[in-house]
């Protein structure tokens, strides 16, 4: 057997396998806790679309200035996201937690 031909075939198979694999991306959604109803519904729709395509979703709730005194409102919004996405096949990879001035949740596709 010709080694050059064998090596070419192996590279071709590796290239095909790489083409078919899906890399998991982290999609980020940035919002503030003073979000309107329609904007909230659009974000929910986008999260469902990202989860359905197999990507992780990072929800960042930004707090600015005096909003830092109202972190409980940001946590309420985060819990509302989780409650509204209950019917979807998601795993909560990282529960809502503060990182500096931002509240962060990471959701992953579940089974």
C-alpha atoms as a PDB file:
ATOM      1  CA  UNK A   1       0.000   0.000   0.000  1.00  0.00           C
ATOM      2  CA  UNK A   2       1.226   3.478  -0.853  1.00  0.00           C
ATOM      3  CA  UNK A   3       1.877   5.519   2.315  1.00  0.00           C
ATOM      4  CA  UNK A   4       1.189   8.831   0.535  1.00  0.00           C
ATOM      5  CA  UNK A   5      -2.242   7.624  -0.552  1.00  0.00           C
ATOM      6  CA  UNK A   6      -3.001   6.338   2.960  1.00  0.00           C
ATOM      7  CA  UNK A   7      -1.970   9.645   4.513  1.00  0.00           C
ATOM      8  CA  UNK A   8      -4.128  11.561   2.009  1.00  0.00           C
ATOM      9  CA  UNK A   9      -7.169   9.388   2.827  1.00  0.00           C
ATOM     10  CA  UNK A  10      -6.690   9.911   6.585  1.00  0.00           C
ATOM     11  CA  UNK A  11      -6.459  13.698   6.142  1.00  0.00           C
ATOM     12  CA  UNK A  12      -9.594  13.635   4.015  1.00  0.00           C
ATOM     13  CA  UNK A  13     -11.516  11.700   6.719  1.00  0.00           C
ATOM     14  CA  UNK A  14     -10.297  14.084   9.433  1.00  0.00           C
ATOM     15  CA  UNK A  15     -11.395  17.073   7.375  1.00  0.00           C
ATOM     16  CA  UNK A  16     -14.883  15.576   6.884  1.00  0.00           C
ATOM     17  CA  UNK A  17     -15.226  14.835  10.615  1.00  0.00           C
ATOM     18  CA  UNK A  18     -14.190  18.387  11.460  1.00  0.00           C
ATOM     19  CA  UNK A  19     -16.724  19.778   9.014  1.00  0.00           C
ATOM     20  CA  UNK A  20     -19.597  17.857  10.642  1.00  0.00           C
ATOM     21  CA  UNK A  21     -18.865  18.713  14.278  1.00  0.00           C
ATOM     22  CA  UNK A  22     -20.708  21.507  16.067  1.00  0.00           C
ATOM     23  CA  UNK A  23     -18.726  23.854  18.268  1.00  0.00           C
ATOM     24  CA  UNK A  24     -20.633  25.165  21.281  1.00  0.00           C
ATOM     25  CA  UNK A  25     -20.561  28.929  21.393  1.00  0.00           C
ATOM     26  CA  UNK A  26     -21.523  31.116  24.316  1.00  0.00           C
ATOM     27  CA  UNK A  27     -24.094  33.658  23.186  1.00  0.00           C
ATOM     28  CA  UNK A  28     -24.262  36.699  25.445  1.00  0.00           C
ATOM     29  CA  UNK A  29     -27.382  38.730  26.157  1.00  0.00           C
ATOM     30  CA  UNK A  30     -26.837  42.039  27.975  1.00  0.00           C
ATOM     31  CA  UNK A  31     -29.758  43.789  29.601  1.00  0.00           C
ATOM     32  CA  UNK A  32     -30.575  46.154  32.455  1.00  0.00           C
ATOM     33  CA  UNK A  33     -33.097  45.324  35.122  1.00  0.00           C
ATOM     34  CA  UNK A  34     -35.438  48.103  33.949  1.00  0.00           C
ATOM     35  CA  UNK A  35     -36.430  46.132  30.834  1.00  0.00           C
ATOM     36  CA  UNK A  36     -39.803  46.614  29.126  1.00  0.00           C
ATOM     37  CA  UNK A  37     -42.247  43.755  28.458  1.00  0.00           C
ATOM     38  CA  UNK A  38     -41.678  43.574  24.693  1.00  0.00           C
ATOM     39  CA  UNK A  39     -37.893  43.710  25.033  1.00  0.00           C
ATOM     40  CA  UNK A  40     -38.075  40.943  27.647  1.00  0.00           C
ATOM     41  CA  UNK A  41     -40.161  38.760  25.314  1.00  0.00           C
ATOM     42  CA  UNK A  42     -37.670  39.310  22.476  1.00  0.00           C
ATOM     43  CA  UNK A  43     -34.812  38.216  24.763  1.00  0.00           C
ATOM     44  CA  UNK A  44     -36.749  35.094  25.818  1.00  0.00           C
ATOM     45  CA  UNK A  45     -37.347  34.244  22.135  1.00  0.00           C
ATOM     46  CA  UNK A  46     -33.646  34.709  21.347  1.00  0.00           C
ATOM     47  CA  UNK A  47     -32.600  32.520  24.287  1.00  0.00           C
ATOM     48  CA  UNK A  48     -34.934  29.745  23.101  1.00  0.00           C
ATOM     49  CA  UNK A  49     -33.473  30.010  19.589  1.00  0.00           C
ATOM     50  CA  UNK A  50     -29.877  29.853  20.879  1.00  0.00           C
ATOM     51  CA  UNK A  51     -30.609  26.867  23.136  1.00  0.00           C
ATOM     52  CA  UNK A  52     -32.383  25.050  20.274  1.00  0.00           C
ATOM     53  CA  UNK A  53     -29.308  25.487  18.067  1.00  0.00           C
ATOM     54  CA  UNK A  54     -27.127  23.935  20.800  1.00  0.00           C
ATOM     55  CA  UNK A  55     -25.336  27.042  22.073  1.00  0.00           C
ATOM     56  CA  UNK A  56     -24.863  28.155  25.659  1.00  0.00           C
ATOM     57  CA  UNK A  57     -26.401  31.459  26.734  1.00  0.00           C
ATOM     58  CA  UNK A  58     -24.861  33.942  29.141  1.00  0.00           C
ATOM     59  CA  UNK A  59     -27.352  36.471  30.514  1.00  0.00           C
ATOM     60  CA  UNK A  60     -25.703  39.605  31.889  1.00  0.00           C
ATOM     61  CA  UNK A  61     -27.850  42.021  33.874  1.00  0.00           C
ATOM     62  CA  UNK A  62     -25.885  45.260  34.090  1.00  0.00           C
ATOM     63  CA  UNK A  63     -26.201  47.580  37.077  1.00  0.00           C
ATOM     64  CA  UNK A  64     -25.047  51.185  36.805  1.00  0.00           C
ATOM     65  CA  UNK A  65     -24.552  53.824  39.452  1.00  0.00           C
ATOM     66  CA  UNK A  66     -27.241  53.762  42.101  1.00  0.00           C
ATOM     67  CA  UNK A  67     -28.755  50.628  40.603  1.00  0.00           C
ATOM     68  CA  UNK A  68     -26.193  48.717  42.686  1.00  0.00           C
ATOM     69  CA  UNK A  69     -28.382  49.441  45.723  1.00  0.00           C
ATOM     70  CA  UNK A  70     -31.212  47.470  44.085  1.00  0.00           C
ATOM     71  CA  UNK A  71     -29.515  44.151  43.391  1.00  0.00           C
ATOM     72  CA  UNK A  72     -32.646  42.336  44.597  1.00  0.00           C
ATOM     73  CA  UNK A  73     -34.503  43.657  41.517  1.00  0.00           C
ATOM     74  CA  UNK A  74     -31.800  42.193  39.277  1.00  0.00           C
ATOM     75  CA  UNK A  75     -32.071  38.841  41.093  1.00  0.00           C
ATOM     76  CA  UNK A  76     -35.869  38.976  40.651  1.00  0.00           C
ATOM     77  CA  UNK A  77     -35.410  39.493  36.906  1.00  0.00           C
ATOM     78  CA  UNK A  78     -32.918  36.606  36.740  1.00  0.00           C
ATOM     79  CA  UNK A  79     -35.344  34.308  38.537  1.00  0.00           C
ATOM     80  CA  UNK A  80     -38.102  35.457  36.172  1.00  0.00           C
ATOM     81  CA  UNK A  81     -35.934  34.395  33.212  1.00  0.00           C
ATOM     82  CA  UNK A  82     -35.396  30.977  34.795  1.00  0.00           C
ATOM     83  CA  UNK A  83     -39.118  30.590  35.597  1.00  0.00           C
ATOM     84  CA  UNK A  84     -40.221  31.562  32.065  1.00  0.00           C
ATOM     85  CA  UNK A  85     -37.738  29.128  30.483  1.00  0.00           C
ATOM     86  CA  UNK A  86     -38.856  26.207  32.690  1.00  0.00           C
ATOM     87  CA  UNK A  87     -40.605  24.305  29.877  1.00  0.00           C
ATOM     88  CA  UNK A  88     -37.510  24.433  27.662  1.00  0.00           C
ATOM     89  CA  UNK A  89     -34.782  21.761  27.755  1.00  0.00           C
ATOM     90  CA  UNK A  90     -32.165  23.833  29.591  1.00  0.00           C
ATOM     91  CA  UNK A  91     -29.652  23.274  32.352  1.00  0.00           C
ATOM     92  CA  UNK A  92     -28.659  26.119  34.618  1.00  0.00           C
ATOM     93  CA  UNK A  93     -24.885  25.865  34.416  1.00  0.00           C
ATOM     94  CA  UNK A  94     -24.284  28.846  36.700  1.00  0.00           C
ATOM     95  CA  UNK A  95     -26.930  30.146  39.071  1.00  0.00           C
ATOM     96  CA  UNK A  96     -27.503  33.925  39.263  1.00  0.00           C
ATOM     97  CA  UNK A  97     -24.527  35.546  40.968  1.00  0.00           C
ATOM     98  CA  UNK A  98     -22.937  38.975  41.152  1.00  0.00           C
ATOM     99  CA  UNK A  99     -19.614  39.549  39.404  1.00  0.00           C
ATOM    100  CA  UNK A 100     -18.617  43.126  40.047  1.00  0.00           C
ATOM    101  CA  UNK A 101     -21.435  45.353  38.802  1.00  0.00           C
ATOM    102  CA  UNK A 102     -23.100  42.603  36.754  1.00  0.00           C
ATOM    103  CA  UNK A 103     -25.391  39.725  37.624  1.00  0.00           C
ATOM    104  CA  UNK A 104     -24.578  36.688  35.506  1.00  0.00           C
ATOM    105  CA  UNK A 105     -26.467  33.487  34.654  1.00  0.00           C
ATOM    106  CA  UNK A 106     -25.195  30.796  32.275  1.00  0.00           C
ATOM    107  CA  UNK A 107     -27.689  28.438  30.630  1.00  0.00           C
ATOM    108  CA  UNK A 108     -26.785  25.338  28.633  1.00  0.00           C
ATOM    109  CA  UNK A 109     -28.888  23.097  26.406  1.00  0.00           C
ATOM    110  CA  UNK A 110     -30.285  20.130  28.291  1.00  0.00           C
ATOM    111  CA  UNK A 111     -31.936  16.860  27.389  1.00  0.00           C
END
